[in-house]
Amino acid sequence: MSGMNIKKLRDRLYEIIFEADTRTGKIFDVILLIIIFISVLLVVLESVPGIRKNHHDFLVISEWIITGIFTAEYILRILIVKKPAKYIFSFYGIIDFLAVIPSYVGLMVVTYQSLIIIRIFRFLRVFRILKLTRYTVAGRSLVRALWASREKISVFIFFVIILVIIIGTLMYLVEGEENGFKSIPLSIYWAIVTLTTVGYGDISPATPIGQLLASFVMIIGYAIIAVPTGIVTAEMIKPSTPANTQVCHNCLYDNHDDDALYCKKCGTRL
């Protein structure tokens, strides 16, 4: 095969594997998404003793088939990028590596079940797949809203921290150790659980004053939960810049505008 044909094949594979603007790229991502979900489902089923015992061979064979697919895809990604090292040590590169390594390590490690948490990391690959255009725009809109709200949310969280410290201290003074509030940190824990409306019930006030204070905390808890939602929503309704799924061949940067012809980061033509 001539050098020109190899370059065309490499560019074609790059377009299919790293981008989702084309029909073949979308098909590739959808197939990969299905495989990821099947892989995670197998990990979940394998944790059930009865299923693991009765269907051990099926689970093992299925795991190796999926590992083979992920391995081939990982190697292919390394071969078609211009700077393999940059991809290997990138966030997505590390996630892709974690998707294939558990099965191979399991051949040498006796406690293979300890690797189950690493296999669950395959689910993080969904974030790569969700670079389909419609999800990319929505995702970047959400990230932009969160980033734009960071100062307001930080002030809000700081206020909540002060509030639970004050409430926890008051509850410690009101209830005391005899009613289960054995320390201020424990009382602050109660304040957090109550303010967030979780309510484990492991600690509860026994005195009328303590119950009155608890009622106040419960009521303001509903209002506090709505505050960050309103802050982020206000930012999300602002117009966002259109985006696409193009990935720079040179530096793997992928945060480009919809009409971008050159990479924002290194200037390489897209």
Protein backbone atom coordinates (compact mmCIF):
# COMPACT_ATOMS: atom_id res chain seq x y z
CA MET A 1 0.00 0.00 0.00
CA SER A 2 1.41 3.38 -1.01
CA GLY A 3 2.18 6.15 1.46
CA MET A 4 -0.70 8.25 0.11
CA ASN A 5 -3.20 5.44 0.64
CA ILE A 6 -1.90 4.83 4.15
CA LYS A 7 -2.34 8.52 4.99
CA LYS A 8 -5.91 8.50 3.62
CA LEU A 9 -6.71 5.37 5.62
CA ARG A 10 -5.21 6.91 8.75
CA ASP A 11 -7.17 10.14 8.31
CA ARG A 12 -10.35 8.16 7.68
CA LEU A 13 -9.88 6.07 10.81
CA TYR A 14 -9.10 9.20 12.81
CA GLU A 15 -12.36 10.77 11.64
CA ILE A 16 -14.34 7.67 12.59
CA ILE A 17 -12.73 6.98 15.97
CA PHE A 18 -12.02 10.45 17.36
CA GLU A 19 -14.92 12.45 15.92
CA ALA A 20 -18.68 12.09 15.71
CA ASP A 21 -19.68 14.53 13.00
CA THR A 22 -19.94 11.85 10.30
CA ARG A 23 -22.42 9.00 9.96
CA THR A 24 -19.70 6.35 10.38
CA GLY A 25 -18.32 8.20 13.40
CA LYS A 26 -21.73 8.21 15.06
CA ILE A 27 -22.24 4.51 14.31
CA PHE A 28 -18.81 3.73 15.81
CA ASP A 29 -19.63 5.70 18.97
CA VAL A 30 -23.06 4.08 19.38
CA ILE A 31 -21.57 0.57 19.01
CA LEU A 32 -18.84 1.45 21.52
CA LEU A 33 -21.45 2.84 23.90
CA ILE A 34 -23.41 -0.43 23.76
CA ILE A 35 -20.24 -2.43 24.46
CA ILE A 36 -19.42 -0.20 27.44
CA PHE A 37 -22.87 -0.72 28.95
CA ILE A 38 -22.64 -4.49 28.40
CA SER A 39 -19.20 -4.49 30.04
CA VAL A 40 -20.45 -2.63 33.12
CA LEU A 41 -23.52 -4.89 33.29
CA LEU A 42 -21.24 -7.95 33.33
CA VAL A 43 -19.23 -6.47 36.19
CA VAL A 44 -22.44 -5.86 38.16
CA LEU A 45 -23.76 -9.39 37.49
CA GLU A 46 -20.40 -10.92 38.41
CA SER A 47 -20.70 -9.44 41.90
CA VAL A 48 -23.80 -11.57 42.55
CA PRO A 49 -22.56 -14.91 44.07
CA GLY A 50 -25.29 -17.05 42.48
CA ILE A 51 -24.77 -15.66 38.97
CA ARG A 52 -20.98 -15.81 39.32
CA LYS A 53 -21.19 -19.48 40.31
CA ASN A 54 -23.72 -20.65 37.71
CA HIS A 55 -22.50 -18.59 34.74
CA HIS A 56 -18.78 -18.29 35.46
CA ASP A 57 -17.60 -19.50 32.04
CA PHE A 58 -19.98 -17.20 30.16
CA LEU A 59 -18.86 -14.19 32.22
CA VAL A 60 -15.18 -14.96 31.67
CA ILE A 61 -15.54 -15.47 27.91
CA SER A 62 -17.65 -12.33 27.54
CA GLU A 63 -15.13 -10.32 29.55
CA TRP A 64 -12.26 -11.43 27.32
CA ILE A 65 -14.20 -10.67 24.14
CA ILE A 66 -14.91 -7.15 25.37
CA THR A 67 -11.32 -6.75 26.57
CA GLY A 68 -10.12 -7.78 23.09
CA ILE A 69 -12.35 -5.14 21.48
CA PHE A 70 -11.14 -2.43 23.86
CA THR A 71 -7.52 -3.49 23.36
CA ALA A 72 -7.78 -3.33 19.57
CA GLU A 73 -9.45 0.08 19.79
CA TYR A 74 -6.81 1.39 22.24
CA ILE A 75 -3.94 0.25 20.02
CA LEU A 76 -5.65 1.71 16.96
CA ARG A 77 -6.02 5.07 18.68
CA ILE A 78 -2.30 5.08 19.48
CA LEU A 79 -1.37 4.23 15.90
CA ILE A 80 -3.47 6.89 14.16
CA VAL A 81 -2.66 9.94 16.31
CA LYS A 82 0.36 12.06 15.42
CA LYS A 83 1.58 12.27 19.00
CA PRO A 84 0.86 8.91 20.71
CA ALA A 85 2.46 9.93 24.02
CA LYS A 86 0.15 12.93 24.30
CA TYR A 87 -2.89 10.69 23.87
CA ILE A 88 -1.60 7.94 26.20
CA PHE A 89 -1.10 10.35 29.11
CA SER A 90 -4.23 12.40 28.46
CA PHE A 91 -7.35 11.99 30.61
CA TYR A 92 -9.17 9.96 27.97
CA GLY A 93 -6.02 7.97 27.22
CA ILE A 94 -5.69 6.91 30.86
CA ILE A 95 -9.38 5.96 31.00
CA ASP A 96 -8.97 3.91 27.80
CA PHE A 97 -5.98 2.17 29.36
CA LEU A 98 -7.92 1.37 32.53
CA ALA A 99 -10.59 -0.19 30.31
CA VAL A 100 -8.22 -2.90 29.09
CA ILE A 101 -5.67 -3.48 31.86
CA PRO A 102 -7.79 -5.29 34.53
CA SER A 103 -8.21 -8.52 32.54
CA TYR A 104 -4.48 -8.78 31.83
CA VAL A 105 -3.51 -8.00 35.43
CA GLY A 106 -6.04 -10.64 36.49
CA LEU A 107 -3.88 -13.30 34.84
CA MET A 108 -1.11 -12.56 37.34
CA VAL A 109 -3.08 -11.50 40.42
CA VAL A 110 -4.88 -14.16 42.43
CA THR A 111 -7.42 -11.77 43.98
CA TYR A 112 -8.95 -10.90 40.62
CA GLN A 113 -12.13 -9.64 42.27
CA SER A 114 -10.11 -6.74 43.73
CA LEU A 115 -9.83 -5.41 40.17
CA ILE A 116 -13.59 -5.09 39.81
CA ILE A 117 -13.50 -1.42 40.82
CA ILE A 118 -11.03 -0.70 38.02
CA ARG A 119 -13.29 -2.43 35.50
CA ILE A 120 -16.11 -0.12 36.59
CA PHE A 121 -13.93 2.77 35.36
CA ARG A 122 -14.94 1.69 31.86
CA PHE A 123 -18.16 3.55 32.52
CA LEU A 124 -16.18 6.80 32.41
CA ARG A 125 -15.65 6.17 28.72
CA VAL A 126 -19.25 7.22 28.24
CA PHE A 127 -18.04 10.82 28.54
CA ARG A 128 -15.94 10.30 25.42
CA ILE A 129 -18.84 8.78 23.53
CA LEU A 130 -21.18 11.62 24.53
CA LYS A 131 -19.16 13.93 22.32
CA LEU A 132 -21.92 13.44 19.76
CA THR A 133 -22.85 16.92 18.57
CA ARG A 134 -26.14 17.36 20.39
CA TYR A 135 -24.67 16.10 23.66
CA THR A 136 -21.52 18.18 23.21
CA VAL A 137 -23.46 21.43 23.03
CA ALA A 138 -25.62 20.48 26.02
CA GLY A 139 -22.63 19.29 28.03
CA ARG A 140 -20.57 22.39 27.37
CA SER A 141 -23.55 24.57 28.22
CA LEU A 142 -23.81 22.85 31.60
CA VAL A 143 -20.05 23.12 32.26
CA ARG A 144 -20.07 26.79 31.25
CA ALA A 145 -23.00 27.46 33.61
CA LEU A 146 -21.26 25.71 36.51
CA TRP A 147 -18.01 27.57 35.87
CA ALA A 148 -19.76 30.94 35.58
CA SER A 149 -21.58 30.23 38.86
CA ARG A 150 -18.48 29.15 40.77
CA GLU A 151 -18.12 32.36 42.81
CA LYS A 152 -21.78 32.54 43.83
CA ILE A 153 -21.86 28.84 44.67
CA SER A 154 -18.61 29.14 46.66
CA VAL A 155 -20.07 31.98 48.73
CA PHE A 156 -23.27 29.97 49.21
CA ILE A 157 -21.36 26.86 50.38
CA PHE A 158 -19.28 29.01 52.75
CA PHE A 159 -22.51 30.42 54.19
CA VAL A 160 -23.97 26.92 54.65
CA ILE A 161 -20.79 25.76 56.42
CA ILE A 162 -21.03 28.66 58.86
CA LEU A 163 -24.74 27.96 59.36
CA VAL A 164 -24.30 24.27 60.22
CA ILE A 165 -21.45 25.08 62.62
CA ILE A 166 -23.67 27.56 64.47
CA ILE A 167 -26.69 25.22 64.48
CA GLY A 168 -24.57 22.25 65.56
CA THR A 169 -23.05 24.23 68.41
CA LEU A 170 -26.47 25.45 69.59
CA MET A 171 -27.88 21.92 69.44
CA TYR A 172 -24.92 20.64 71.49
CA LEU A 173 -25.62 23.27 74.15
CA VAL A 174 -29.37 22.63 74.15
CA GLU A 175 -29.44 18.81 74.05
CA GLY A 176 -26.14 17.84 75.64
CA GLU A 177 -24.40 14.48 75.78
CA GLU A 178 -27.26 12.80 77.63
CA ASN A 179 -29.45 13.08 74.50
CA GLY A 180 -26.88 11.73 72.07
CA PHE A 181 -25.19 15.00 71.07
CA LYS A 182 -21.85 13.95 72.55
CA SER A 183 -19.68 16.54 70.82
CA ILE A 184 -19.88 19.62 68.61
CA PRO A 185 -18.56 17.74 65.50
CA LEU A 186 -21.29 15.12 66.01
CA SER A 187 -23.86 17.89 66.41
CA ILE A 188 -22.61 19.53 63.21
CA TYR A 189 -23.03 16.16 61.46
CA TRP A 190 -26.65 16.12 62.70
CA ALA A 191 -27.15 19.68 61.40
CA ILE A 192 -25.83 18.72 57.94
CA VAL A 193 -28.02 15.61 57.77
CA THR A 194 -31.08 17.57 58.85
CA LEU A 195 -30.42 20.63 56.69
CA THR A 196 -30.04 18.47 53.57
CA THR A 197 -33.32 16.71 54.47
CA VAL A 198 -31.56 13.32 54.51
CA GLY A 199 -32.62 12.49 58.06
CA TYR A 200 -30.89 9.22 59.02
CA GLY A 201 -32.55 9.30 62.44
CA ASP A 202 -29.46 8.06 64.28
CA ILE A 203 -29.51 11.23 66.41
CA SER A 204 -32.61 13.18 67.28
CA PRO A 205 -33.44 15.99 69.75
CA ALA A 206 -35.38 15.11 72.88
CA THR A 207 -36.03 18.51 74.47
CA PRO A 208 -38.74 20.95 73.30
CA ILE A 209 -36.18 23.64 72.47
CA GLY A 210 -34.09 21.15 70.53
CA GLN A 211 -37.13 19.99 68.59
CA LEU A 212 -38.07 23.60 67.82
CA LEU A 213 -34.56 24.26 66.52
CA ALA A 214 -34.71 21.05 64.47
CA SER A 215 -38.00 22.16 62.92
CA PHE A 216 -36.42 25.46 61.92
CA VAL A 217 -33.47 23.64 60.32
CA MET A 218 -35.81 21.34 58.38
CA ILE A 219 -37.80 24.26 56.98
CA ILE A 220 -34.79 26.30 55.83
CA GLY A 221 -33.31 23.12 54.38
CA TYR A 222 -35.82 23.15 51.54
CA ALA A 223 -35.00 26.77 50.70
CA ILE A 224 -31.24 26.17 50.81
CA ILE A 225 -31.44 23.21 48.40
CA ALA A 226 -33.13 25.43 45.80
CA VAL A 227 -30.48 28.18 45.86
CA PRO A 228 -27.66 26.51 43.84
CA THR A 229 -30.24 25.19 41.37
CA GLY A 230 -31.44 28.73 40.72
CA ILE A 231 -27.89 30.05 40.35
CA VAL A 232 -26.92 27.45 37.75
CA THR A 233 -30.25 27.71 35.92
CA ALA A 234 -29.82 31.48 35.54
CA GLU A 235 -26.46 30.86 33.83
CA MET A 236 -27.77 28.04 31.65
CA ILE A 237 -30.48 30.16 30.03
CA LYS A 238 -27.82 32.50 28.68
CA PRO A 239 -26.97 31.83 25.00
CA SER A 240 -24.04 29.47 24.44
CA THR A 241 -21.47 29.27 21.66
CA PRO A 242 -22.11 26.47 19.12
CA ALA A 243 -19.60 23.62 19.34
CA ASN A 244 -18.61 20.55 17.39
CA THR A 245 -16.77 17.28 17.93
CA GLN A 246 -13.61 17.97 15.92
CA VAL A 247 -10.41 16.85 17.60
CA CYS A 248 -7.09 18.42 16.62
CA HIS A 249 -4.73 15.89 15.00
CA ASN A 250 -1.71 17.59 16.52
CA CYS A 251 -2.60 18.33 20.15
CA LEU A 252 -5.93 16.47 20.63
CA TYR A 253 -7.67 19.68 21.74
CA ASP A 254 -11.43 19.34 21.24
CA ASN A 255 -13.07 22.54 22.49
CA HIS A 256 -13.58 24.22 19.11
CA ASP A 257 -16.33 26.51 17.87
CA ASP A 258 -18.72 25.15 15.28
CA ASP A 259 -17.19 27.22 12.46
CA ALA A 260 -13.54 26.74 13.48
CA LEU A 261 -11.08 25.92 10.69
CA TYR A 262 -7.92 25.92 12.84
CA CYS A 263 -7.15 24.60 16.30
CA LYS A 264 -7.49 27.23 19.04
CA LYS A 265 -4.56 25.78 20.94
CA CYS A 266 -1.85 25.00 18.35
CA GLY A 267 -3.14 26.51 15.12
CA THR A 268 -3.20 23.25 13.13
CA ARG A 269 -5.85 23.10 10.41
CA LEU A 270 -8.79 20.95 11.48
